[in-house]
Amino acid sequence: MGTDRINGSLFTNIENKIATVEFGHPASNSFPSILLKRLSSEINALSINKEVQLIILKSEGEKAFCAGASFDELVAITNQEEGEAFFSGFGNVINAMRKCNKLIIGRVQGKTVGGGVGLIAACDYAIATEAAAIKLSELTIGIGPFVIAPAVERKMGVAALAELTLAATEWKNAYWAKEKGLYAKVFETITEVDNEIETLTNKLAAYNPEALSTLKKALWENTNHWDLLLIDRAKTSGKLVLSDFTKKALEKFKK
């Protein structure tokens, strides 16, 4: 099922017990709030779908994997409630991915910023191309990657989170991200990535579903508090986005 392009698009295809979820948006596959809500709902639905054994998460096109949250919506925030709602978007998706009964395989073809890095970190296994560099640029506009930080830290460690966050203008290449644990494998081309994902998911789909869902729970042990933690972090970001520093920084970006 699709929708109009302003709100982006979300399509799910189920074949051989594998659900491929593809999101897209003309602005480098960034996420307006409505698309984040749809992705959360879709993951929740697939979690209980008996026809599905595992999920592939991908984005459309051959360029950016995800440019994070919608810049237009960020600029339009005028109060604490709007800020909290906006920043909760990625938190809700990460929590849906975390609690999903099915393993989620990320297919990352290109550059990723901000919330998109959180999405990759919330995948159980991610395969990327050499072009899949990452960046957390939040500090440059006076906020921080607070909502996605628990997911990034869980996957890559505190040191990598600090390095990504503090070097806010630097792209870290795909091999750096693999070394830190974000990607399981990196290939030169999208074709190689797709071949690897096909091989892996066909093997996984043939394994005992109970073993897979039990493994998923084991991998995400000690994260039950994230339901509250990520919303709390969204409040923090919601406050910061209203600061004079951020307002001035966003004005500059708009120009």
Protein backbone atom coordinates (compact mmCIF):
# COMPACT_ATOMS: atom_id res chain seq x y z
CA MET A 1 0.00 0.00 0.00
CA GLY A 2 1.31 3.47 -0.86
CA THR A 3 0.33 7.05 -0.14
CA ASP A 4 0.95 10.49 -1.61
CA ARG A 5 4.56 11.61 -1.94
CA ILE A 6 4.49 14.45 0.65
CA ASN A 7 3.85 11.86 3.35
CA GLY A 8 6.27 9.42 1.78
CA SER A 9 5.47 5.82 0.91
CA LEU A 10 5.51 2.45 2.65
CA PHE A 11 5.16 -0.89 0.89
CA THR A 12 5.26 -4.41 2.31
CA ASN A 13 5.77 -7.51 0.22
CA ILE A 14 5.50 -10.97 1.81
CA GLU A 15 7.09 -13.93 0.02
CA ASN A 16 8.40 -17.27 1.37
CA LYS A 17 7.72 -16.12 4.96
CA ILE A 18 9.93 -13.06 4.43
CA ALA A 19 8.34 -9.60 4.71
CA THR A 20 10.18 -6.85 2.84
CA VAL A 21 9.22 -3.42 4.16
CA GLU A 22 10.29 -0.54 1.93
CA PHE A 23 9.96 3.12 2.94
CA GLY A 24 10.53 6.09 0.69
CA HIS A 25 10.38 9.88 0.50
CA PRO A 26 11.51 12.33 -2.21
CA ALA A 27 13.68 14.19 0.35
CA SER A 28 16.45 11.55 0.54
CA ASN A 29 14.13 9.04 2.24
CA SER A 30 13.58 11.28 5.25
CA PHE A 31 10.66 10.63 7.60
CA PRO A 32 7.67 12.89 8.20
CA SER A 33 5.88 11.95 11.46
CA ILE A 34 3.01 10.27 9.62
CA LEU A 35 5.42 7.87 7.86
CA LEU A 36 7.12 6.98 11.17
CA LYS A 37 3.68 6.18 12.62
CA ARG A 38 2.88 3.96 9.64
CA LEU A 39 6.21 2.15 9.97
CA SER A 40 5.62 1.51 13.70
CA SER A 41 2.14 0.12 12.95
CA GLU A 42 3.47 -2.05 10.12
CA ILE A 43 6.20 -3.58 12.30
CA ASN A 44 3.66 -4.23 15.09
CA ALA A 45 1.35 -5.96 12.59
CA LEU A 46 4.15 -8.10 11.12
CA SER A 47 5.23 -9.08 14.63
CA ILE A 48 2.00 -11.08 15.06
CA ASN A 49 1.57 -12.16 11.42
CA LYS A 50 1.81 -15.96 11.30
CA GLU A 51 2.76 -15.89 7.60
CA VAL A 52 5.94 -13.98 8.40
CA GLN A 53 9.14 -15.41 9.84
CA LEU A 54 11.47 -12.45 9.41
CA ILE A 55 11.57 -8.88 8.13
CA ILE A 56 13.85 -7.02 5.72
CA LEU A 57 13.87 -3.23 6.20
CA LYS A 58 14.96 -1.20 3.19
CA SER A 59 14.45 2.17 1.55
CA GLU A 60 13.74 3.05 -2.05
CA GLY A 61 16.22 4.15 -4.67
CA GLU A 62 19.98 3.74 -4.92
CA LYS A 63 21.16 6.87 -3.12
CA ALA A 64 20.54 7.81 0.54
CA PHE A 65 19.23 5.13 2.88
CA CYS A 66 17.64 7.69 5.21
CA ALA A 67 18.10 11.41 5.87
CA GLY A 68 16.52 11.20 9.33
CA ALA A 69 13.41 13.08 10.41
CA SER A 70 11.62 15.66 8.26
CA PHE A 71 13.48 18.97 8.31
CA ASP A 72 10.30 20.91 7.43
CA GLU A 73 8.52 19.47 10.46
CA LEU A 74 11.50 20.19 12.71
CA VAL A 75 11.50 23.85 11.66
CA ALA A 76 7.74 24.09 12.28
CA ILE A 77 7.87 23.07 15.99
CA THR A 78 6.53 25.90 18.18
CA ASN A 79 5.93 24.33 21.60
CA GLN A 80 7.02 21.58 24.00
CA GLU A 81 4.14 19.20 23.09
CA GLU A 82 4.86 19.42 19.37
CA GLY A 83 8.56 18.90 20.06
CA GLU A 84 7.95 15.84 22.19
CA ALA A 85 5.56 14.36 19.60
CA PHE A 86 8.05 14.99 16.78
CA PHE A 87 11.02 13.41 18.58
CA SER A 88 8.92 10.46 19.79
CA GLY A 89 8.55 9.36 16.15
CA PHE A 90 11.83 7.47 15.84
CA GLY A 91 11.53 6.32 19.48
CA ASN A 92 8.23 4.60 18.69
CA VAL A 93 9.72 2.87 15.64
CA ILE A 94 12.79 1.72 17.60
CA ASN A 95 10.54 0.34 20.35
CA ALA A 96 8.38 -1.45 17.75
CA MET A 97 11.52 -2.99 16.19
CA ARG A 98 12.87 -3.95 19.63
CA LYS A 99 9.64 -5.67 20.72
CA CYS A 100 8.91 -7.26 17.33
CA ASN A 101 8.80 -11.08 17.54
CA LYS A 102 10.59 -11.34 14.20
CA LEU A 103 14.26 -10.70 13.47
CA ILE A 104 14.80 -7.58 11.35
CA ILE A 105 17.50 -7.47 8.67
CA GLY A 106 18.57 -3.99 7.50
CA ARG A 107 19.51 -3.37 3.87
CA VAL A 108 21.52 -0.13 3.71
CA GLN A 109 22.45 1.16 0.26
CA GLY A 110 23.65 4.68 0.99
CA LYS A 111 24.26 7.54 3.39
CA THR A 112 22.31 7.81 6.63
CA VAL A 113 21.87 10.71 9.04
CA GLY A 114 20.37 11.15 12.51
CA GLY A 115 17.28 9.06 13.21
CA GLY A 116 18.13 6.79 10.30
CA VAL A 117 21.25 5.65 12.16
CA GLY A 118 18.94 4.72 15.05
CA LEU A 119 16.83 2.62 12.65
CA ILE A 120 19.90 0.70 11.47
CA ALA A 121 21.04 0.19 15.07
CA ALA A 122 17.60 -1.25 15.92
CA CYS A 123 17.93 -3.89 13.18
CA ASP A 124 19.14 -7.28 14.40
CA TYR A 125 21.57 -7.60 11.50
CA ALA A 126 22.49 -5.02 8.86
CA ILE A 127 24.23 -5.39 5.51
CA ALA A 128 25.51 -2.30 3.72
CA THR A 129 27.29 -1.01 0.63
CA GLU A 130 30.55 0.94 0.70
CA ALA A 131 28.47 4.07 0.10
CA ALA A 132 26.63 3.66 3.43
CA ALA A 133 28.42 6.36 5.45
CA ILE A 134 26.77 7.65 8.63
CA LYS A 135 26.57 10.95 10.50
CA LEU A 136 24.91 12.28 13.66
CA SER A 137 24.76 16.04 13.05
CA GLU A 138 22.28 16.97 15.82
CA LEU A 139 24.73 19.04 17.90
CA THR A 140 25.22 21.44 14.98
CA ILE A 141 21.65 22.70 15.45
CA GLY A 142 21.72 22.72 19.25
CA ILE A 143 19.99 19.42 19.96
CA GLY A 144 21.37 15.87 20.36
CA PRO A 145 20.58 12.33 19.22
CA PHE A 146 19.03 11.57 22.60
CA VAL A 147 16.14 9.37 21.43
CA ILE A 148 18.25 7.09 19.24
CA ALA A 149 21.32 7.10 21.54
CA PRO A 150 20.28 3.98 23.52
CA ALA A 151 19.96 1.98 20.27
CA VAL A 152 23.27 3.28 18.90
CA GLU A 153 25.07 2.68 22.20
CA ARG A 154 23.67 -0.85 22.52
CA LYS A 155 24.99 -1.71 19.06
CA MET A 156 28.23 0.26 18.84
CA GLY A 157 29.26 1.14 22.41
CA VAL A 158 29.61 4.43 24.27
CA ALA A 159 32.92 5.35 22.62
CA ALA A 160 31.49 5.10 19.10
CA LEU A 161 28.35 7.00 20.16
CA ALA A 162 30.52 9.79 21.60
CA GLU A 163 32.71 9.91 18.50
CA LEU A 164 29.72 10.08 16.15
CA THR A 165 27.91 12.67 18.24
CA LEU A 166 30.86 14.99 18.92
CA ALA A 167 32.27 14.84 15.38
CA ALA A 168 28.89 16.18 14.27
CA THR A 169 30.05 17.44 10.85
CA GLU A 170 32.01 14.30 9.90
CA TRP A 171 30.83 11.40 7.79
CA LYS A 172 32.06 8.05 9.15
CA ASN A 173 32.48 5.55 6.33
CA ALA A 174 30.82 2.14 6.09
CA TYR A 175 33.98 0.28 7.13
CA TRP A 176 34.23 2.38 10.32
CA ALA A 177 30.57 1.57 11.03
CA LYS A 178 31.22 -2.15 10.43
CA GLU A 179 34.26 -2.14 12.71
CA LYS A 180 32.09 -0.60 15.45
CA GLY A 181 29.37 -3.24 14.99
CA LEU A 182 26.63 -1.30 13.19
CA TYR A 183 26.98 -3.37 10.00
CA ALA A 184 27.61 -7.11 9.92
CA LYS A 185 28.95 -7.00 6.36
CA VAL A 186 29.89 -4.36 3.78
CA PHE A 187 29.96 -4.95 0.01
CA GLU A 188 30.99 -2.80 -2.95
CA THR A 189 27.67 -2.92 -4.79
CA ILE A 190 23.94 -2.99 -4.10
CA THR A 191 23.68 -6.20 -6.16
CA GLU A 192 26.13 -7.95 -3.83
CA VAL A 193 24.20 -6.69 -0.80
CA ASP A 194 20.93 -8.00 -2.23
CA ASN A 195 22.46 -11.38 -3.07
CA GLU A 196 23.84 -11.70 0.47
CA ILE A 197 20.48 -10.73 2.00
CA GLU A 198 18.64 -13.23 -0.19
CA THR A 199 21.00 -16.05 0.84
CA LEU A 200 20.82 -15.14 4.53
CA THR A 201 17.05 -14.64 4.74
CA ASN A 202 16.28 -17.86 2.84
CA LYS A 203 18.40 -19.76 5.38
CA LEU A 204 16.79 -17.97 8.34
CA ALA A 205 13.26 -18.56 6.99
CA ALA A 206 13.94 -22.30 7.09
CA TYR A 207 14.95 -22.33 10.76
CA ASN A 208 12.69 -23.08 13.73
CA PRO A 209 10.46 -19.97 14.17
CA GLU A 210 10.33 -20.52 17.93
CA ALA A 211 14.13 -20.56 18.12
CA LEU A 212 14.29 -17.33 16.11
CA SER A 213 11.77 -15.44 18.25
CA THR A 214 13.43 -16.70 21.45
CA LEU A 215 16.79 -15.54 20.11
CA LYS A 216 15.29 -12.13 19.32
CA LYS A 217 14.13 -11.76 22.93
CA ALA A 218 17.55 -12.81 24.22
CA LEU A 219 19.32 -10.26 22.00
CA TRP A 220 17.15 -7.46 23.40
CA GLU A 221 17.33 -8.46 27.05
CA ASN A 222 17.46 -5.60 29.59
CA THR A 223 15.80 -3.04 27.29
CA ASN A 224 12.24 -3.15 28.69
CA HIS A 225 12.72 0.29 30.25
CA TRP A 226 13.11 1.81 26.75
CA ASP A 227 9.33 2.34 26.47
CA LEU A 228 9.67 5.11 29.06
CA LEU A 229 13.31 6.04 28.40
CA LEU A 230 12.85 6.98 24.73
CA ILE A 231 9.78 9.12 25.48
CA ASP A 232 11.70 10.82 28.27
CA ARG A 233 14.53 11.50 25.80
CA ALA A 234 11.98 12.93 23.34
CA LYS A 235 10.95 15.43 26.06
CA THR A 236 14.60 16.48 26.42
CA SER A 237 14.95 17.06 22.68
CA GLY A 238 11.56 18.80 22.62
CA LYS A 239 12.86 21.35 25.13
CA LEU A 240 16.19 21.89 23.38
CA VAL A 241 14.63 22.43 19.96
CA LEU A 242 12.84 25.53 21.34
CA SER A 243 16.14 27.11 22.49
CA ASP A 244 17.40 30.34 20.92
CA PHE A 245 20.50 28.50 19.72
CA THR A 246 18.41 26.02 17.73
CA LYS A 247 16.07 28.68 16.34
CA LYS A 248 19.04 30.68 15.03
CA ALA A 249 20.76 27.55 13.65
CA LEU A 250 17.58 26.45 11.83
CA GLU A 251 17.15 29.94 10.34
CA LYS A 252 20.65 29.65 8.85
CA PHE A 253 19.88 26.19 7.43
CA LYS A 254 16.65 27.43 5.86
CA LYS A 255 18.52 30.20 4.05
